[in-house]
Amino acid sequence: MAVATQPIQRVGMFGGAFDPPHTAHRALAQAALDQLRLDVLHVMPTGQAWHKARTLSPAHHRIAMCEAAFGDLPRVRIDRRETERQGPSYTADTLAELRAEYPAATLYLVLGADQLLAFKSWVRWEEVLSLATLAVANRPTNIGAQALRGDAPLTDLSGVDVPFARLRMPLQHVSATALRARLATEPADDPSLDLLVPDAVASYISQHHLYQTAT
């Protein structure tokens, strides 16, 4: 006798450049899975990022690094659709597709605090709010190219005037910007990077010589 499968009721979308994915990304995915009780979390590497001035690493590398970073987490799907879409990638379009795929589910959009502060600059942000609940993890302030793990204050979200749910997780003092700056001069397998980059991601970066400064 076939066992009836439970319907998918809670779906998360976690998008980003993931250039590269790091330990804070993984911690956020784990927090979303556990605290939102997600049936599935779509990890969504960005395609053509309308809001980024720099050129992203090729999509196939970022997808492979996401598979290395998140592939062992239960209920995670590495979703390539934005990298395969022609033209700029807009979250509203992706959420609309997920709504069509999961018509009865509650959708959550997983964000960091820095993204929440910029949320009203997003294309069709009102549509995003109509489709999904924002689930936000706080981040330290001022984690740019010089970011290191250490003490830093929380990002102040008191002025945010859109509804969101908070995800509880320890502060992660790491950013992809900081990692790229480090990886330009340090090998990915340097022990000082162990807490910043998942081992499988570091191995992939080393194998493909990503982020190294040309000499």
N, C-alpha and C. Protein backbone atom coordinates (compact mmCIF):
# COMPACT_ATOMS: atom_id res chain seq x y z
N MET A 1 0.85 -1.20 0.00
CA MET A 1 0.00 0.00 0.00
C MET A 1 0.88 1.24 0.00
N ALA A 2 0.60 2.16 -0.90
CA ALA A 2 1.41 3.38 -1.00
C ALA A 2 1.18 4.26 0.22
N VAL A 3 2.27 4.86 0.68
CA VAL A 3 2.19 5.78 1.81
C VAL A 3 1.91 7.17 1.29
N ALA A 4 0.88 7.81 1.82
CA ALA A 4 0.53 9.15 1.38
C ALA A 4 1.62 10.14 1.79
N THR A 5 2.02 11.00 0.87
CA THR A 5 3.02 12.01 1.19
C THR A 5 2.33 13.25 1.74
N GLN A 6 3.01 13.91 2.68
CA GLN A 6 2.47 15.12 3.26
C GLN A 6 2.58 16.27 2.25
N PRO A 7 1.56 17.10 2.12
CA PRO A 7 1.67 18.23 1.20
C PRO A 7 2.71 19.24 1.68
N ILE A 8 3.34 19.88 0.73
CA ILE A 8 4.33 20.91 1.06
C ILE A 8 3.57 22.17 1.48
N GLN A 9 3.82 22.62 2.71
CA GLN A 9 3.07 23.73 3.28
C GLN A 9 3.90 24.98 3.52
N ARG A 10 5.22 24.83 3.69
CA ARG A 10 6.07 25.97 4.05
C ARG A 10 7.31 25.92 3.17
N VAL A 11 7.47 26.95 2.35
CA VAL A 11 8.52 26.98 1.34
C VAL A 11 9.35 28.25 1.51
N GLY A 12 10.66 28.10 1.52
CA GLY A 12 11.55 29.24 1.62
C GLY A 12 12.31 29.49 0.34
N MET A 13 12.62 30.75 0.09
CA MET A 13 13.52 31.15 -0.99
C MET A 13 14.66 31.92 -0.37
N PHE A 14 15.89 31.49 -0.64
CA PHE A 14 17.10 32.14 -0.15
C PHE A 14 17.94 32.47 -1.36
N GLY A 15 17.89 33.72 -1.80
CA GLY A 15 18.60 34.14 -2.99
C GLY A 15 19.84 34.94 -2.65
N GLY A 16 20.74 35.01 -3.62
CA GLY A 16 21.94 35.80 -3.45
C GLY A 16 22.94 35.49 -4.53
N ALA A 17 23.98 36.31 -4.60
CA ALA A 17 25.04 36.04 -5.58
C ALA A 17 25.80 34.78 -5.22
N PHE A 18 25.99 34.53 -3.91
CA PHE A 18 26.77 33.38 -3.43
C PHE A 18 28.11 33.34 -4.17
N ASP A 19 28.85 34.43 -4.04
CA ASP A 19 30.07 34.62 -4.82
C ASP A 19 31.24 35.03 -3.90
N PRO A 20 31.69 34.14 -3.01
CA PRO A 20 31.29 32.74 -2.82
C PRO A 20 30.29 32.60 -1.67
N PRO A 21 29.63 31.43 -1.55
CA PRO A 21 28.85 31.14 -0.35
C PRO A 21 29.80 30.92 0.82
N HIS A 22 29.40 31.36 2.00
CA HIS A 22 30.29 31.27 3.17
C HIS A 22 29.52 30.73 4.37
N THR A 23 30.19 30.67 5.50
CA THR A 23 29.60 30.04 6.67
C THR A 23 28.38 30.78 7.19
N ALA A 24 28.31 32.09 7.01
CA ALA A 24 27.12 32.83 7.43
C ALA A 24 25.92 32.46 6.57
N HIS A 25 26.13 32.26 5.27
CA HIS A 25 25.04 31.80 4.40
C HIS A 25 24.52 30.45 4.88
N ARG A 26 25.42 29.54 5.19
CA ARG A 26 25.00 28.21 5.62
C ARG A 26 24.25 28.29 6.95
N ALA A 27 24.76 29.10 7.88
CA ALA A 27 24.08 29.25 9.17
C ALA A 27 22.68 29.82 8.99
N LEU A 28 22.53 30.77 8.06
CA LEU A 28 21.22 31.36 7.82
C LEU A 28 20.27 30.33 7.21
N ALA A 29 20.76 29.51 6.29
CA ALA A 29 19.93 28.46 5.72
C ALA A 29 19.46 27.49 6.81
N GLN A 30 20.36 27.11 7.70
CA GLN A 30 20.00 26.20 8.78
C GLN A 30 18.97 26.83 9.71
N ALA A 31 19.16 28.11 10.03
CA ALA A 31 18.21 28.80 10.91
C ALA A 31 16.83 28.86 10.26
N ALA A 32 16.78 29.15 8.96
CA ALA A 32 15.50 29.23 8.27
C ALA A 32 14.80 27.87 8.25
N LEU A 33 15.53 26.82 7.94
CA LEU A 33 14.95 25.49 7.90
C LEU A 33 14.34 25.11 9.25
N ASP A 34 15.09 25.39 10.31
CA ASP A 34 14.66 24.97 11.65
C ASP A 34 13.56 25.86 12.21
N GLN A 35 13.76 27.17 12.16
CA GLN A 35 12.85 28.09 12.85
C GLN A 35 11.55 28.32 12.07
N LEU A 36 11.62 28.27 10.76
CA LEU A 36 10.40 28.43 9.95
C LEU A 36 9.73 27.09 9.66
N ARG A 37 10.37 26.01 10.08
CA ARG A 37 9.84 24.65 9.87
C ARG A 37 9.52 24.42 8.39
N LEU A 38 10.51 24.73 7.56
CA LEU A 38 10.31 24.67 6.12
C LEU A 38 10.25 23.22 5.64
N ASP A 39 9.37 22.98 4.70
CA ASP A 39 9.35 21.70 4.00
C ASP A 39 10.42 21.67 2.91
N VAL A 40 10.72 22.82 2.36
CA VAL A 40 11.76 22.92 1.33
C VAL A 40 12.29 24.34 1.33
N LEU A 41 13.61 24.47 1.10
CA LEU A 41 14.26 25.77 0.96
C LEU A 41 14.96 25.80 -0.39
N HIS A 42 14.51 26.71 -1.25
CA HIS A 42 15.15 26.90 -2.55
C HIS A 42 16.31 27.88 -2.39
N VAL A 43 17.53 27.38 -2.53
CA VAL A 43 18.71 28.25 -2.56
C VAL A 43 18.88 28.69 -4.01
N MET A 44 18.84 30.00 -4.22
CA MET A 44 18.64 30.56 -5.56
C MET A 44 19.80 31.48 -5.96
N PRO A 45 20.86 30.96 -6.59
CA PRO A 45 21.91 31.85 -7.08
C PRO A 45 21.36 32.86 -8.08
N THR A 46 21.76 34.10 -7.92
CA THR A 46 21.31 35.18 -8.79
C THR A 46 21.80 34.97 -10.22
N GLY A 47 20.95 35.36 -11.16
CA GLY A 47 21.36 35.34 -12.55
C GLY A 47 22.03 36.68 -12.90
N GLN A 48 21.37 37.46 -13.73
CA GLN A 48 21.86 38.80 -14.08
C GLN A 48 21.37 39.75 -13.00
N ALA A 49 22.26 40.16 -12.12
CA ALA A 49 21.87 40.96 -10.95
C ALA A 49 21.74 42.43 -11.35
N TRP A 50 20.52 42.94 -11.37
CA TRP A 50 20.28 44.32 -11.80
C TRP A 50 20.90 45.32 -10.84
N HIS A 51 21.11 44.96 -9.57
CA HIS A 51 21.53 45.91 -8.54
C HIS A 51 23.03 45.87 -8.26
N LYS A 52 23.80 45.04 -8.96
CA LYS A 52 25.23 44.92 -8.70
C LYS A 52 26.03 45.49 -9.87
N ALA A 53 26.98 46.37 -9.53
CA ALA A 53 27.79 46.99 -10.56
C ALA A 53 28.88 46.04 -11.05
N ARG A 54 29.39 45.19 -10.18
CA ARG A 54 30.48 44.30 -10.56
C ARG A 54 29.94 43.09 -11.33
N THR A 55 30.81 42.47 -12.08
CA THR A 55 30.46 41.26 -12.81
C THR A 55 30.59 40.07 -11.87
N LEU A 56 29.57 39.25 -11.80
CA LEU A 56 29.60 38.08 -10.94
C LEU A 56 30.45 36.97 -11.57
N SER A 57 30.93 36.08 -10.72
CA SER A 57 31.61 34.88 -11.24
C SER A 57 30.62 34.08 -12.10
N PRO A 58 31.12 33.32 -13.06
CA PRO A 58 30.21 32.55 -13.93
C PRO A 58 29.23 31.71 -13.11
N ALA A 59 28.02 31.60 -13.63
CA ALA A 59 26.95 30.94 -12.89
C ALA A 59 27.30 29.50 -12.54
N HIS A 60 27.97 28.78 -13.45
CA HIS A 60 28.24 27.37 -13.17
C HIS A 60 29.14 27.20 -11.95
N HIS A 61 30.05 28.16 -11.73
CA HIS A 61 30.89 28.10 -10.54
C HIS A 61 30.07 28.39 -9.29
N ARG A 62 29.21 29.39 -9.34
CA ARG A 62 28.43 29.74 -8.16
C ARG A 62 27.42 28.63 -7.81
N ILE A 63 26.86 28.00 -8.82
CA ILE A 63 25.96 26.87 -8.58
C ILE A 63 26.73 25.72 -7.92
N ALA A 64 27.89 25.40 -8.46
CA ALA A 64 28.69 24.31 -7.89
C ALA A 64 29.10 24.61 -6.45
N MET A 65 29.45 25.87 -6.17
CA MET A 65 29.81 26.23 -4.79
C MET A 65 28.60 26.14 -3.86
N CYS A 66 27.41 26.48 -4.36
CA CYS A 66 26.20 26.33 -3.55
C CYS A 66 25.93 24.86 -3.26
N GLU A 67 26.14 24.01 -4.25
CA GLU A 67 25.96 22.58 -4.02
C GLU A 67 26.93 22.09 -2.96
N ALA A 68 28.16 22.62 -2.98
CA ALA A 68 29.14 22.24 -1.97
C ALA A 68 28.78 22.79 -0.59
N ALA A 69 28.24 23.99 -0.55
CA ALA A 69 27.95 24.65 0.73
C ALA A 69 26.68 24.14 1.39
N PHE A 70 25.65 23.86 0.59
CA PHE A 70 24.32 23.56 1.14
C PHE A 70 23.81 22.16 0.82
N GLY A 71 24.51 21.45 -0.06
CA GLY A 71 23.95 20.21 -0.60
C GLY A 71 23.67 19.13 0.42
N ASP A 72 24.34 19.17 1.57
CA ASP A 72 24.11 18.13 2.57
C ASP A 72 23.02 18.51 3.57
N LEU A 73 22.46 19.70 3.45
CA LEU A 73 21.38 20.11 4.36
C LEU A 73 20.07 19.49 3.91
N PRO A 74 19.29 18.96 4.83
CA PRO A 74 18.01 18.35 4.44
C PRO A 74 17.05 19.40 3.92
N ARG A 75 16.27 19.02 2.94
CA ARG A 75 15.16 19.83 2.41
C ARG A 75 15.63 21.06 1.65
N VAL A 76 16.89 21.08 1.24
CA VAL A 76 17.43 22.18 0.43
C VAL A 76 17.47 21.76 -1.03
N ARG A 77 17.03 22.67 -1.91
CA ARG A 77 17.16 22.48 -3.35
C ARG A 77 17.97 23.63 -3.93
N ILE A 78 19.03 23.31 -4.63
CA ILE A 78 19.80 24.34 -5.35
C ILE A 78 19.04 24.61 -6.64
N ASP A 79 18.51 25.81 -6.76
CA ASP A 79 17.59 26.15 -7.84
C ASP A 79 18.31 27.04 -8.85
N ARG A 80 18.40 26.58 -10.09
CA ARG A 80 19.17 27.28 -11.12
C ARG A 80 18.34 28.26 -11.94
N ARG A 81 17.08 28.40 -11.67
CA ARG A 81 16.20 29.09 -12.62
C ARG A 81 16.63 30.52 -12.91
N GLU A 82 17.11 31.27 -11.90
CA GLU A 82 17.49 32.65 -12.18
C GLU A 82 18.72 32.73 -13.06
N THR A 83 19.64 31.78 -12.93
CA THR A 83 20.83 31.80 -13.78
C THR A 83 20.50 31.41 -15.22
N GLU A 84 19.35 30.76 -15.42
CA GLU A 84 18.94 30.35 -16.77
C GLU A 84 17.96 31.32 -17.39
N ARG A 85 17.54 32.33 -16.66
CA ARG A 85 16.56 33.30 -17.14
C ARG A 85 17.26 34.35 -17.98
N GLN A 86 16.65 34.75 -19.05
CA GLN A 86 17.19 35.81 -19.89
C GLN A 86 16.87 37.17 -19.26
N GLY A 87 17.84 38.06 -19.29
CA GLY A 87 17.62 39.39 -18.74
C GLY A 87 17.82 39.44 -17.23
N PRO A 88 17.55 40.60 -16.62
CA PRO A 88 17.76 40.77 -15.19
C PRO A 88 16.90 39.82 -14.36
N SER A 89 17.41 39.45 -13.19
CA SER A 89 16.68 38.59 -12.27
C SER A 89 15.96 39.45 -11.23
N TYR A 90 14.65 39.28 -11.15
CA TYR A 90 13.86 40.00 -10.16
C TYR A 90 13.19 39.01 -9.23
N THR A 91 13.31 39.26 -7.93
CA THR A 91 12.75 38.36 -6.93
C THR A 91 11.25 38.20 -7.10
N ALA A 92 10.56 39.26 -7.49
CA ALA A 92 9.10 39.18 -7.67
C ALA A 92 8.75 38.12 -8.71
N ASP A 93 9.52 38.03 -9.79
CA ASP A 93 9.24 37.02 -10.82
C ASP A 93 9.44 35.61 -10.26
N THR A 94 10.52 35.42 -9.51
CA THR A 94 10.81 34.10 -8.98
C THR A 94 9.77 33.67 -7.96
N LEU A 95 9.37 34.59 -7.09
CA LEU A 95 8.33 34.25 -6.12
C LEU A 95 7.01 33.92 -6.80
N ALA A 96 6.69 34.63 -7.87
CA ALA A 96 5.47 34.32 -8.61
C ALA A 96 5.52 32.91 -9.18
N GLU A 97 6.69 32.50 -9.66
CA GLU A 97 6.84 31.13 -10.15
C GLU A 97 6.69 30.12 -9.03
N LEU A 98 7.30 30.40 -7.87
CA LEU A 98 7.16 29.50 -6.74
C LEU A 98 5.71 29.42 -6.26
N ARG A 99 5.01 30.55 -6.29
CA ARG A 99 3.59 30.53 -5.91
C ARG A 99 2.80 29.61 -6.83
N ALA A 100 3.10 29.63 -8.12
CA ALA A 100 2.40 28.75 -9.06
C ALA A 100 2.74 27.29 -8.80
N GLU A 101 3.96 27.02 -8.37
CA GLU A 101 4.38 25.64 -8.11
C GLU A 101 3.84 25.12 -6.78
N TYR A 102 3.67 26.02 -5.81
CA TYR A 102 3.19 25.63 -4.48
C TYR A 102 1.97 26.49 -4.13
N PRO A 103 0.86 26.29 -4.80
CA PRO A 103 -0.28 27.21 -4.65
C PRO A 103 -0.87 27.25 -3.24
N ALA A 104 -0.70 26.19 -2.46
CA ALA A 104 -1.30 26.16 -1.12
C ALA A 104 -0.30 26.44 -0.01
N ALA A 105 0.96 26.69 -0.36
CA ALA A 105 2.00 26.83 0.64
C ALA A 105 2.16 28.28 1.10
N THR A 106 2.70 28.45 2.29
CA THR A 106 3.17 29.75 2.76
C THR A 106 4.59 29.94 2.27
N LEU A 107 4.86 31.07 1.63
CA LEU A 107 6.20 31.36 1.10
C LEU A 107 6.94 32.30 2.04
N TYR A 108 8.22 32.03 2.23
CA TYR A 108 9.10 32.88 3.03
C TYR A 108 10.29 33.29 2.17
N LEU A 109 10.65 34.56 2.25
CA LEU A 109 11.84 35.06 1.58
C LEU A 109 12.89 35.32 2.66
N VAL A 110 13.99 34.58 2.62
CA VAL A 110 15.02 34.63 3.65
C VAL A 110 16.05 35.69 3.28
N LEU A 111 16.28 36.62 4.20
CA LEU A 111 17.13 37.78 3.94
C LEU A 111 18.09 38.03 5.10
N GLY A 112 19.16 38.76 4.80
CA GLY A 112 19.97 39.37 5.84
C GLY A 112 19.51 40.79 6.09
N ALA A 113 19.90 41.35 7.23
CA ALA A 113 19.44 42.68 7.62
C ALA A 113 19.84 43.75 6.61
N ASP A 114 21.00 43.61 6.00
CA ASP A 114 21.43 44.60 5.02
C ASP A 114 20.48 44.64 3.83
N GLN A 115 19.98 43.47 3.42
CA GLN A 115 19.02 43.45 2.32
C GLN A 115 17.69 44.06 2.73
N LEU A 116 17.29 43.84 3.97
CA LEU A 116 16.03 44.43 4.44
C LEU A 116 16.10 45.96 4.40
N LEU A 117 17.23 46.53 4.80
CA LEU A 117 17.35 47.99 4.79
C LEU A 117 17.19 48.56 3.38
N ALA A 118 17.58 47.80 2.38
CA ALA A 118 17.48 48.26 0.99
C ALA A 118 16.21 47.77 0.30
N PHE A 119 15.32 47.14 1.04
CA PHE A 119 14.22 46.42 0.42
C PHE A 119 13.34 47.30 -0.46
N LYS A 120 13.07 48.52 -0.04
CA LYS A 120 12.17 49.38 -0.82
C LYS A 120 12.81 49.92 -2.10
N SER A 121 14.08 49.61 -2.32
CA SER A 121 14.71 49.96 -3.60
C SER A 121 14.58 48.81 -4.60
N TRP A 122 14.04 47.68 -4.17
CA TRP A 122 13.89 46.54 -5.06
C TRP A 122 12.80 46.81 -6.10
N VAL A 123 12.98 46.21 -7.25
CA VAL A 123 11.96 46.29 -8.30
C VAL A 123 10.71 45.53 -7.83
N ARG A 124 9.54 46.21 -7.84
CA ARG A 124 8.24 45.62 -7.48
C ARG A 124 8.26 45.02 -6.07
N TRP A 125 8.82 45.80 -5.12
CA TRP A 125 8.92 45.28 -3.76
C TRP A 125 7.55 45.04 -3.14
N GLU A 126 6.56 45.84 -3.54
CA GLU A 126 5.21 45.61 -3.00
C GLU A 126 4.68 44.24 -3.41
N GLU A 127 5.01 43.83 -4.64
CA GLU A 127 4.58 42.51 -5.10
C GLU A 127 5.29 41.41 -4.30
N VAL A 128 6.57 41.62 -3.99
CA VAL A 128 7.30 40.66 -3.16
C VAL A 128 6.59 40.48 -1.83
N LEU A 129 6.19 41.59 -1.20
CA LEU A 129 5.50 41.51 0.09
C LEU A 129 4.16 40.79 -0.02
N SER A 130 3.50 40.93 -1.15
CA SER A 130 2.21 40.27 -1.32
C SER A 130 2.35 38.76 -1.51
N LEU A 131 3.54 38.33 -1.91
CA LEU A 131 3.75 36.91 -2.22
C LEU A 131 4.40 36.14 -1.08
N ALA A 132 5.21 36.81 -0.26
CA ALA A 132 6.01 36.09 0.72
C ALA A 132 6.16 36.88 2.01
N THR A 133 6.37 36.16 3.10
CA THR A 133 6.75 36.75 4.38
C THR A 133 8.26 36.91 4.40
N LEU A 134 8.74 38.09 4.77
CA LEU A 134 10.17 38.31 4.88
C LEU A 134 10.66 37.70 6.19
N ALA A 135 11.69 36.88 6.12
CA ALA A 135 12.30 36.25 7.30
C ALA A 135 13.74 36.73 7.35
N VAL A 136 14.09 37.48 8.39
CA VAL A 136 15.31 38.28 8.40
C VAL A 136 16.23 37.89 9.56
N ALA A 137 17.49 37.68 9.25
CA ALA A 137 18.52 37.49 10.27
C ALA A 137 19.35 38.76 10.37
N ASN A 138 19.66 39.17 11.58
CA ASN A 138 20.45 40.38 11.74
C ASN A 138 21.89 40.13 11.36
N ARG A 139 22.59 41.23 11.04
CA ARG A 139 24.00 41.17 10.68
C ARG A 139 24.72 42.31 11.39
N PRO A 140 26.02 42.16 11.58
CA PRO A 140 26.78 43.29 12.12
C PRO A 140 26.77 44.45 11.13
N THR A 141 26.97 45.64 11.63
CA THR A 141 27.09 46.81 10.76
C THR A 141 28.49 46.84 10.14
N ASN A 142 28.58 47.49 8.98
CA ASN A 142 29.87 47.79 8.36
C ASN A 142 30.72 46.54 8.11
N ILE A 143 30.13 45.53 7.45
CA ILE A 143 30.95 44.37 7.10
C ILE A 143 31.21 44.40 5.60
N GLY A 144 32.15 45.23 5.21
CA GLY A 144 32.53 45.34 3.82
C GLY A 144 33.80 44.55 3.55
N ALA A 145 34.66 45.10 2.72
CA ALA A 145 35.85 44.38 2.28
C ALA A 145 36.81 44.09 3.43
N GLN A 146 36.75 44.86 4.52
CA GLN A 146 37.67 44.65 5.63
C GLN A 146 37.06 43.82 6.75
N ALA A 147 35.90 43.24 6.54
CA ALA A 147 35.21 42.52 7.61
C ALA A 147 36.04 41.36 8.13
N LEU A 148 36.02 41.20 9.42
CA LEU A 148 36.64 40.07 10.09
C LEU A 148 35.66 39.57 11.13
N ARG A 149 35.84 38.34 11.54
CA ARG A 149 35.04 37.85 12.65
C ARG A 149 35.48 38.60 13.89
N GLY A 150 34.50 39.06 14.69
CA GLY A 150 34.83 39.81 15.89
C GLY A 150 33.62 40.57 16.39
N ASP A 151 33.86 41.55 17.21
CA ASP A 151 32.77 42.32 17.80
C ASP A 151 32.30 43.41 16.85
N ALA A 152 30.99 43.56 16.73
CA ALA A 152 30.39 44.63 15.94
C ALA A 152 28.94 44.75 16.37
N PRO A 153 28.38 45.96 16.34
CA PRO A 153 26.98 46.11 16.76
C PRO A 153 26.02 45.54 15.72
N LEU A 154 24.82 45.22 16.20
CA LEU A 154 23.76 44.80 15.30
C LEU A 154 23.35 45.92 14.37
N THR A 155 22.88 45.55 13.20
CA THR A 155 22.26 46.52 12.30
C THR A 155 20.95 47.00 12.94
N ASP A 156 20.75 48.30 12.94
CA ASP A 156 19.54 48.87 13.54
C ASP A 156 18.38 48.74 12.56
N LEU A 157 17.39 47.93 12.93
CA LEU A 157 16.22 47.71 12.08
C LEU A 157 14.99 48.44 12.61
N SER A 158 15.18 49.32 13.59
CA SER A 158 14.03 49.97 14.22
C SER A 158 13.26 50.87 13.26
N GLY A 159 13.91 51.36 12.21
CA GLY A 159 13.24 52.25 11.29
C GLY A 159 12.60 51.55 10.11
N VAL A 160 12.69 50.24 10.06
CA VAL A 160 12.11 49.48 8.94
C VAL A 160 10.59 49.48 9.07
N ASP A 161 9.90 49.87 8.01
CA ASP A 161 8.44 50.01 8.08
C ASP A 161 7.72 49.02 7.17
N VAL A 162 8.34 47.86 6.97
CA VAL A 162 7.66 46.76 6.29
C VAL A 162 7.63 45.58 7.26
N PRO A 163 6.60 44.75 7.19
CA PRO A 163 6.52 43.63 8.14
C PRO A 163 7.57 42.56 7.84
N PHE A 164 8.13 42.00 8.90
CA PHE A 164 9.08 40.91 8.73
C PHE A 164 9.14 40.08 10.01
N ALA A 165 9.55 38.83 9.84
CA ALA A 165 9.78 37.92 10.96
C ALA A 165 11.28 37.83 11.19
N ARG A 166 11.68 37.74 12.45
CA ARG A 166 13.09 37.65 12.79
C ARG A 166 13.54 36.20 12.89
N LEU A 167 14.72 35.94 12.36
CA LEU A 167 15.39 34.66 12.55
C LEU A 167 16.47 34.84 13.60
N ARG A 168 16.52 33.93 14.54
CA ARG A 168 17.50 34.03 15.63
C ARG A 168 18.74 33.22 15.26
N MET A 169 19.88 33.88 15.24
CA MET A 169 21.14 33.19 14.99
C MET A 169 22.28 34.08 15.47
N PRO A 170 23.41 33.48 15.87
CA PRO A 170 24.54 34.29 16.29
C PRO A 170 25.02 35.19 15.16
N LEU A 171 25.56 36.35 15.54
CA LEU A 171 26.10 37.24 14.52
C LEU A 171 27.25 36.56 13.77
N GLN A 172 27.26 36.74 12.47
CA GLN A 172 28.30 36.16 11.63
C GLN A 172 29.09 37.30 11.00
N HIS A 173 30.34 37.47 11.44
CA HIS A 173 31.16 38.60 10.99
C HIS A 173 31.94 38.20 9.73
N VAL A 174 31.21 37.98 8.67
CA VAL A 174 31.85 37.58 7.42
C VAL A 174 30.95 38.05 6.28
N SER A 175 31.57 38.43 5.18
CA SER A 175 30.82 38.80 3.98
C SER A 175 31.55 38.28 2.77
N ALA A 176 30.81 38.10 1.68
CA ALA A 176 31.44 37.66 0.44
C ALA A 176 32.44 38.70 -0.07
N THR A 177 32.13 39.97 0.15
CA THR A 177 33.06 41.03 -0.26
C THR A 177 34.40 40.87 0.45
N ALA A 178 34.34 40.63 1.76
CA ALA A 178 35.57 40.45 2.53
C ALA A 178 36.31 39.20 2.09
N LEU A 179 35.56 38.14 1.83
CA LEU A 179 36.21 36.91 1.41
C LEU A 179 36.93 37.06 0.08
N ARG A 180 36.29 37.73 -0.87
CA ARG A 180 36.95 37.91 -2.17
C ARG A 180 38.24 38.70 -2.00
N ALA A 181 38.23 39.69 -1.12
CA ALA A 181 39.44 40.48 -0.87
C ALA A 181 40.53 39.61 -0.26
N ARG A 182 40.16 38.73 0.66
CA ARG A 182 41.14 37.84 1.27
C ARG A 182 41.66 36.82 0.25
N LEU A 183 40.73 36.24 -0.53
CA LEU A 183 41.11 35.19 -1.47
C LEU A 183 41.96 35.71 -2.63
N ALA A 184 41.94 37.01 -2.84
CA ALA A 184 42.79 37.58 -3.89
C ALA A 184 44.26 37.45 -3.54
N THR A 185 44.58 37.32 -2.23
CA THR A 185 45.98 37.28 -1.80
C THR A 185 46.31 36.06 -0.96
N GLU A 186 45.30 35.30 -0.52
CA GLU A 186 45.53 34.15 0.34
C GLU A 186 44.91 32.90 -0.29
N PRO A 187 45.55 31.76 -0.15
CA PRO A 187 44.95 30.52 -0.70
C PRO A 187 43.69 30.15 0.06
N ALA A 188 42.75 29.52 -0.63
CA ALA A 188 41.47 29.18 -0.02
C ALA A 188 41.63 28.17 1.11
N ASP A 189 42.72 27.39 1.08
CA ASP A 189 42.93 26.40 2.14
C ASP A 189 43.76 26.94 3.29
N ASP A 190 43.97 28.24 3.35
CA ASP A 190 44.67 28.85 4.48
C ASP A 190 43.88 28.58 5.75
N PRO A 191 44.51 28.10 6.82
CA PRO A 191 43.78 27.78 8.05
C PRO A 191 43.00 28.96 8.63
N SER A 192 43.44 30.19 8.34
CA SER A 192 42.74 31.36 8.88
C SER A 192 41.35 31.53 8.29
N LEU A 193 41.07 30.83 7.18
CA LEU A 193 39.76 30.93 6.53
C LEU A 193 38.83 29.78 6.91
N ASP A 194 39.28 28.90 7.78
CA ASP A 194 38.50 27.70 8.10
C ASP A 194 37.11 28.02 8.63
N LEU A 195 36.97 29.06 9.42
CA LEU A 195 35.67 29.39 10.02
C LEU A 195 34.82 30.27 9.11
N LEU A 196 35.37 30.64 7.98
CA LEU A 196 34.67 31.56 7.09
C LEU A 196 34.09 30.89 5.86
N VAL A 197 34.74 29.84 5.38
CA VAL A 197 34.34 29.16 4.15
C VAL A 197 34.17 27.67 4.44
N PRO A 198 33.02 27.07 4.09
CA PRO A 198 32.89 25.62 4.25
C PRO A 198 34.01 24.90 3.51
N ASP A 199 34.48 23.80 4.08
CA ASP A 199 35.63 23.09 3.51
C ASP A 199 35.42 22.72 2.04
N ALA A 200 34.22 22.25 1.71
CA ALA A 200 33.98 21.83 0.33
C ALA A 200 34.03 23.01 -0.63
N VAL A 201 33.60 24.19 -0.16
CA VAL A 201 33.67 25.40 -0.99
C VAL A 201 35.13 25.82 -1.16
N ALA A 202 35.90 25.78 -0.08
CA ALA A 202 37.32 26.13 -0.17
C ALA A 202 38.05 25.22 -1.16
N SER A 203 37.72 23.93 -1.14
CA SER A 203 38.35 23.00 -2.08
C SER A 203 38.00 23.35 -3.52
N TYR A 204 36.74 23.71 -3.75
CA TYR A 204 36.32 24.06 -5.11
C TYR A 204 37.03 25.34 -5.57
N ILE A 205 37.12 26.32 -4.69
CA ILE A 205 37.80 27.57 -5.04
C ILE A 205 39.25 27.30 -5.41
N SER A 206 39.92 26.46 -4.62
CA SER A 206 41.32 26.13 -4.90
C SER A 206 41.46 25.39 -6.22
N GLN A 207 40.58 24.43 -6.45
CA GLN A 207 40.65 23.62 -7.66
C GLN A 207 40.50 24.46 -8.91
N HIS A 208 39.64 25.49 -8.85
CA HIS A 208 39.33 26.28 -10.04
C HIS A 208 39.99 27.66 -10.02
N HIS A 209 40.84 27.89 -9.03
CA HIS A 209 41.64 29.12 -8.97
C HIS A 209 40.76 30.38 -9.02
N LEU A 210 39.67 30.34 -8.29
CA LEU A 210 38.74 31.47 -8.29
C LEU A 210 39.25 32.60 -7.38
N TYR A 211 38.93 33.82 -7.76
CA TYR A 211 39.15 35.03 -6.97
C TYR A 211 40.62 35.43 -6.86
N GLN A 212 41.52 34.72 -7.52
CA GLN A 212 42.92 35.07 -7.43
C GLN A 212 43.21 36.29 -8.28
N THR A 213 44.08 37.14 -7.79
CA THR A 213 44.48 38.32 -8.54
C THR A 213 45.46 37.89 -9.63
N ALA A 214 45.18 38.30 -10.85
CA ALA A 214 46.08 37.96 -11.96
C ALA A 214 47.44 38.62 -11.78
N THR A 215 48.47 37.86 -12.07
CA THR A 215 49.83 38.41 -11.95
C THR A 215 50.55 38.25 -13.29
